[in-house]
C-alpha atoms as a PDB file:
ATOM      1  CA  MET A   1       3.119  26.818 -29.183  1.00  0.00           C
ATOM      2  CA  ASN A   2       2.327  23.673 -31.251  1.00  0.00           C
ATOM      3  CA  HIS A   3      -1.269  23.582 -30.493  1.00  0.00           C
ATOM      4  CA  PHE A   4      -3.108  26.362 -32.027  1.00  0.00           C
ATOM      5  CA  THR A   5      -7.011  27.168 -32.168  1.00  0.00           C
ATOM      6  CA  LEU A   6      -8.789  29.483 -34.513  1.00  0.00           C
ATOM      7  CA  PRO A   7     -12.395  30.454 -33.908  1.00  0.00           C
ATOM      8  CA  VAL A   8     -14.679  30.288 -36.979  1.00  0.00           C
ATOM      9  CA  ARG A   9     -18.396  31.213 -37.362  1.00  0.00           C
ATOM     10  CA  VAL A  10     -20.486  29.240 -39.842  1.00  0.00           C
ATOM     11  CA  TYR A  11     -22.050  31.696 -42.374  1.00  0.00           C
ATOM     12  CA  TYR A  12     -24.813  30.956 -44.812  1.00  0.00           C
ATOM     13  CA  GLU A  13     -22.269  30.682 -47.633  1.00  0.00           C
ATOM     14  CA  ASP A  14     -20.682  27.691 -45.726  1.00  0.00           C
ATOM     15  CA  THR A  15     -23.885  25.573 -45.769  1.00  0.00           C
ATOM     16  CA  ASP A  16     -25.969  23.696 -48.116  1.00  0.00           C
ATOM     17  CA  ALA A  17     -29.803  24.074 -48.580  1.00  0.00           C
ATOM     18  CA  GLY A  18     -30.397  22.451 -45.275  1.00  0.00           C
ATOM     19  CA  GLY A  19     -28.308  24.721 -43.179  1.00  0.00           C
ATOM     20  CA  ILE A  20     -25.627  22.171 -42.722  1.00  0.00           C
ATOM     21  CA  VAL A  21     -21.930  22.998 -43.427  1.00  0.00           C
ATOM     22  CA  TYR A  22     -20.965  21.479 -46.903  1.00  0.00           C
ATOM     23  CA  TYR A  23     -18.352  18.776 -46.403  1.00  0.00           C
ATOM     24  CA  VAL A  24     -15.390  20.399 -48.289  1.00  0.00           C
ATOM     25  CA  ASN A  25     -15.971  23.665 -46.369  1.00  0.00           C
ATOM     26  CA  TYR A  26     -14.253  21.784 -43.346  1.00  0.00           C
ATOM     27  CA  LEU A  27     -11.129  21.599 -45.526  1.00  0.00           C
ATOM     28  CA  LYS A  28     -11.262  25.430 -46.085  1.00  0.00           C
ATOM     29  CA  PHE A  29     -11.565  25.964 -42.331  1.00  0.00           C
ATOM     30  CA  MET A  30      -8.438  23.773 -41.727  1.00  0.00           C
ATOM     31  CA  GLU A  31      -6.704  25.563 -44.428  1.00  0.00           C
ATOM     32  CA  ARG A  32      -7.376  28.806 -42.524  1.00  0.00           C
ATOM     33  CA  GLY A  33      -6.245  27.392 -39.381  1.00  0.00           C
ATOM     34  CA  ARG A  34      -2.853  26.156 -40.677  1.00  0.00           C
ATOM     35  CA  SER A  35      -2.285  29.649 -42.448  1.00  0.00           C
ATOM     36  CA  GLU A  36      -3.339  31.527 -38.976  1.00  0.00           C
ATOM     37  CA  TRP A  37      -1.023  28.992 -37.006  1.00  0.00           C
ATOM     38  CA  LEU A  38       1.950  29.899 -39.342  1.00  0.00           C
ATOM     39  CA  ARG A  39       1.277  33.531 -39.056  1.00  0.00           C
ATOM     40  CA  SER A  40       0.968  33.274 -35.194  1.00  0.00           C
ATOM     41  CA  LEU A  41       4.658  32.014 -35.354  1.00  0.00           C
ATOM     42  CA  GLY A  42       5.661  35.090 -37.093  1.00  0.00           C
ATOM     43  CA  PHE A  43       5.717  33.827 -40.738  1.00  0.00           C
ATOM     44  CA  ASP A  44       4.035  35.825 -43.613  1.00  0.00           C
ATOM     45  CA  GLN A  45       3.365  33.215 -46.350  1.00  0.00           C
ATOM     46  CA  SER A  46       3.283  36.046 -48.998  1.00  0.00           C
ATOM     47  CA  VAL A  47       7.000  36.804 -48.532  1.00  0.00           C
ATOM     48  CA  LEU A  48       8.291  33.216 -48.042  1.00  0.00           C
ATOM     49  CA  SER A  49      10.499  31.697 -50.789  1.00  0.00           C
ATOM     50  CA  VAL A  50       8.402  28.543 -50.691  1.00  0.00           C
ATOM     51  CA  LEU A  51       4.701  27.507 -50.946  1.00  0.00           C
ATOM     52  CA  PHE A  52       2.882  24.842 -48.956  1.00  0.00           C
ATOM     53  CA  VAL A  53       0.728  22.382 -50.970  1.00  0.00           C
ATOM     54  CA  VAL A  54      -1.500  19.918 -49.456  1.00  0.00           C
ATOM     55  CA  ARG A  55      -0.192  16.284 -50.572  1.00  0.00           C
ATOM     56  CA  GLY A  56      -2.789  14.304 -48.782  1.00  0.00           C
ATOM     57  CA  VAL A  57      -5.653  14.344 -46.380  1.00  0.00           C
ATOM     58  CA  GLU A  58      -7.283  11.588 -44.147  1.00  0.00           C
ATOM     59  CA  ILE A  59     -10.545  12.841 -42.769  1.00  0.00           C
ATOM     60  CA  ARG A  60     -13.385  11.647 -40.662  1.00  0.00           C
ATOM     61  CA  TYR A  61     -16.670  13.472 -40.126  1.00  0.00           C
ATOM     62  CA  GLU A  62     -18.404  12.777 -36.772  1.00  0.00           C
ATOM     63  CA  ALA A  63     -21.111  15.227 -36.461  1.00  0.00           C
ATOM     64  CA  PRO A  64     -22.608  18.277 -38.650  1.00  0.00           C
ATOM     65  CA  ALA A  65     -22.022  21.905 -38.011  1.00  0.00           C
ATOM     66  CA  ARG A  66     -24.903  24.163 -38.634  1.00  0.00           C
ATOM     67  CA  LEU A  67     -25.576  27.819 -39.662  1.00  0.00           C
ATOM     68  CA  ASP A  68     -24.235  30.363 -36.924  1.00  0.00           C
ATOM     69  CA  ASP A  69     -22.249  27.652 -34.909  1.00  0.00           C
ATOM     70  CA  LEU A  70     -19.096  28.843 -33.544  1.00  0.00           C
ATOM     71  CA  LEU A  71     -16.381  26.360 -34.299  1.00  0.00           C
ATOM     72  CA  GLN A  72     -12.886  25.764 -32.949  1.00  0.00           C
ATOM     73  CA  VAL A  73     -10.387  24.796 -35.721  1.00  0.00           C
ATOM     74  CA  GLN A  74      -7.560  23.135 -33.939  1.00  0.00           C
ATOM     75  CA  VAL A  75      -3.984  22.672 -35.400  1.00  0.00           C
ATOM     76  CA  ALA A  76      -1.206  20.559 -34.011  1.00  0.00           C
ATOM     77  CA  LEU A  77       2.161  19.755 -35.886  1.00  0.00           C
ATOM     78  CA  LYS A  78       2.688  16.134 -35.813  1.00  0.00           C
ATOM     79  CA  GLU A  79       5.698  15.756 -37.904  1.00  0.00           C
ATOM     80  CA  CYS A  80       8.319  17.893 -39.714  1.00  0.00           C
ATOM     81  CA  ARG A  81      10.911  16.176 -42.086  1.00  0.00           C
ATOM     82  CA  GLY A  82      12.726  17.728 -44.840  1.00  0.00           C
ATOM     83  CA  ALA A  83      10.120  19.037 -47.186  1.00  0.00           C
ATOM     84  CA  ARG A  84       7.019  17.755 -45.450  1.00  0.00           C
ATOM     85  CA  LEU A  85       4.831  18.669 -42.626  1.00  0.00           C
ATOM     86  CA  VAL A  86       1.971  16.495 -41.033  1.00  0.00           C
ATOM     87  CA  PHE A  87      -0.574  18.227 -39.068  1.00  0.00           C
ATOM     88  CA  GLU A  88      -3.398  16.773 -36.833  1.00  0.00           C
ATOM     89  CA  GLN A  89      -6.452  18.927 -36.977  1.00  0.00           C
ATOM     90  CA  GLN A  90      -9.921  18.725 -35.642  1.00  0.00           C
ATOM     91  CA  ILE A  91     -12.979  20.899 -35.599  1.00  0.00           C
ATOM     92  CA  LEU A  92     -15.064  21.132 -32.466  1.00  0.00           C
ATOM     93  CA  ARG A  93     -18.358  23.070 -31.934  1.00  0.00           C
ATOM     94  CA  ASP A  94     -18.041  25.670 -29.195  1.00  0.00           C
ATOM     95  CA  ASP A  95     -19.634  23.199 -26.828  1.00  0.00           C
ATOM     96  CA  GLY A  96     -16.707  20.764 -27.254  1.00  0.00           C
ATOM     97  CA  LEU A  97     -18.475  18.394 -29.630  1.00  0.00           C
ATOM     98  CA  VAL A  98     -15.968  16.983 -32.033  1.00  0.00           C
ATOM     99  CA  LEU A  99     -17.276  17.512 -35.564  1.00  0.00           C
ATOM    100  CA  CYS A 100     -14.318  16.518 -37.861  1.00  0.00           C
ATOM    101  CA  LEU A 101     -10.976  15.032 -37.313  1.00  0.00           C
ATOM    102  CA  ALA A 102      -8.136  15.005 -39.910  1.00  0.00           C
ATOM    103  CA  GLN A 103      -4.577  14.425 -40.627  1.00  0.00           C
ATOM    104  CA  VAL A 104      -3.073  16.655 -43.418  1.00  0.00           C
ATOM    105  CA  GLU A 105       0.087  16.174 -45.174  1.00  0.00           C
ATOM    106  CA  VAL A 106       1.736  19.379 -46.596  1.00  0.00           C
ATOM    107  CA  ALA A 107       4.563  19.448 -49.020  1.00  0.00           C
ATOM    108  CA  CYS A 108       6.985  22.280 -49.326  1.00  0.00           C
ATOM    109  CA  VAL A 109       7.738  23.527 -52.917  1.00  0.00           C
ATOM    110  CA  ASP A 110      10.004  26.196 -54.421  1.00  0.00           C
ATOM    111  CA  ARG A 111       7.730  29.290 -55.277  1.00  0.00           C
ATOM    112  CA  ASP A 112       9.294  29.729 -58.705  1.00  0.00           C
ATOM    113  CA  SER A 113       9.745  26.221 -59.986  1.00  0.00           C
ATOM    114  CA  LEU A 114       7.048  24.540 -57.789  1.00  0.00           C
ATOM    115  CA  ARG A 115       9.460  21.743 -57.176  1.00  0.00           C
ATOM    116  CA  PRO A 116       9.801  19.947 -53.977  1.00  0.00           C
ATOM    117  CA  CYS A 117      12.256  21.525 -51.546  1.00  0.00           C
ATOM    118  CA  ARG A 118      13.346  21.354 -48.046  1.00  0.00           C
ATOM    119  CA  LEU A 119      12.044  23.670 -45.552  1.00  0.00           C
ATOM    120  CA  PRO A 120      14.148  26.924 -45.253  1.00  0.00           C
ATOM    121  CA  ASP A 121      16.227  27.063 -42.161  1.00  0.00           C
ATOM    122  CA  THR A 122      14.581  30.089 -40.734  1.00  0.00           C
ATOM    123  CA  LEU A 123      11.101  28.344 -40.859  1.00  0.00           C
ATOM    124  CA  LEU A 124      12.464  25.030 -39.698  1.00  0.00           C
ATOM    125  CA  HIS A 125      14.116  26.681 -36.678  1.00  0.00           C
ATOM    126  CA  GLY A 126      10.892  28.752 -35.889  1.00  0.00           C
ATOM    127  CA  LEU A 127       8.473  25.761 -35.911  1.00  0.00           C
ATOM    128  CA  PRO A 128       7.550  24.301 -32.581  1.00  0.00           C
ATOM    129  CA  LYS A 129       8.580  20.960 -31.522  1.00  0.00           C
ATOM    130  CA  ARG A 130       5.947  18.215 -31.995  1.00  0.00           C
ATOM    131  CA  ASP A 131       3.133  18.039 -29.281  1.00  0.00           C
ATOM    132  CA  ALA A 132       1.181  15.018 -28.446  1.00  0.00           C
ATOM    133  CA  ASP A 133      -1.620  14.382 -31.041  1.00  0.00           C
ATOM    134  CA  ILE A 134      -4.861  16.228 -30.177  1.00  0.00           C
ATOM    135  CA  ALA A 135      -7.055  13.604 -31.607  1.00  0.00           C
END
């Protein structure tokens, strides 16, 4: 199950004065998507010996989301190497309109030292194989 979708409703707190989702909140939606994707694979981040930190993001905004919209946050693992995961993510409105596309690079770091480290074997073996890109 490499392709994962999380439904998210747009609340007032997500928007600016014009009722449009503030651009940085798309990154928060994507973070929730990756966290829930990992949870769906049976991993609880609070008990892992590692943390995941965003190393880089390439993002493109296509259309605005508005107050009360129901969104679909999609997550697909594109690459998994050593201490790095690369995700293709997109956010769509419930009618299928693509609002935002991103590639997110995540680094694995030791929980105590915060130094980069390889993914633990249990995690590495529990991750799905790479799917075709979703974008």
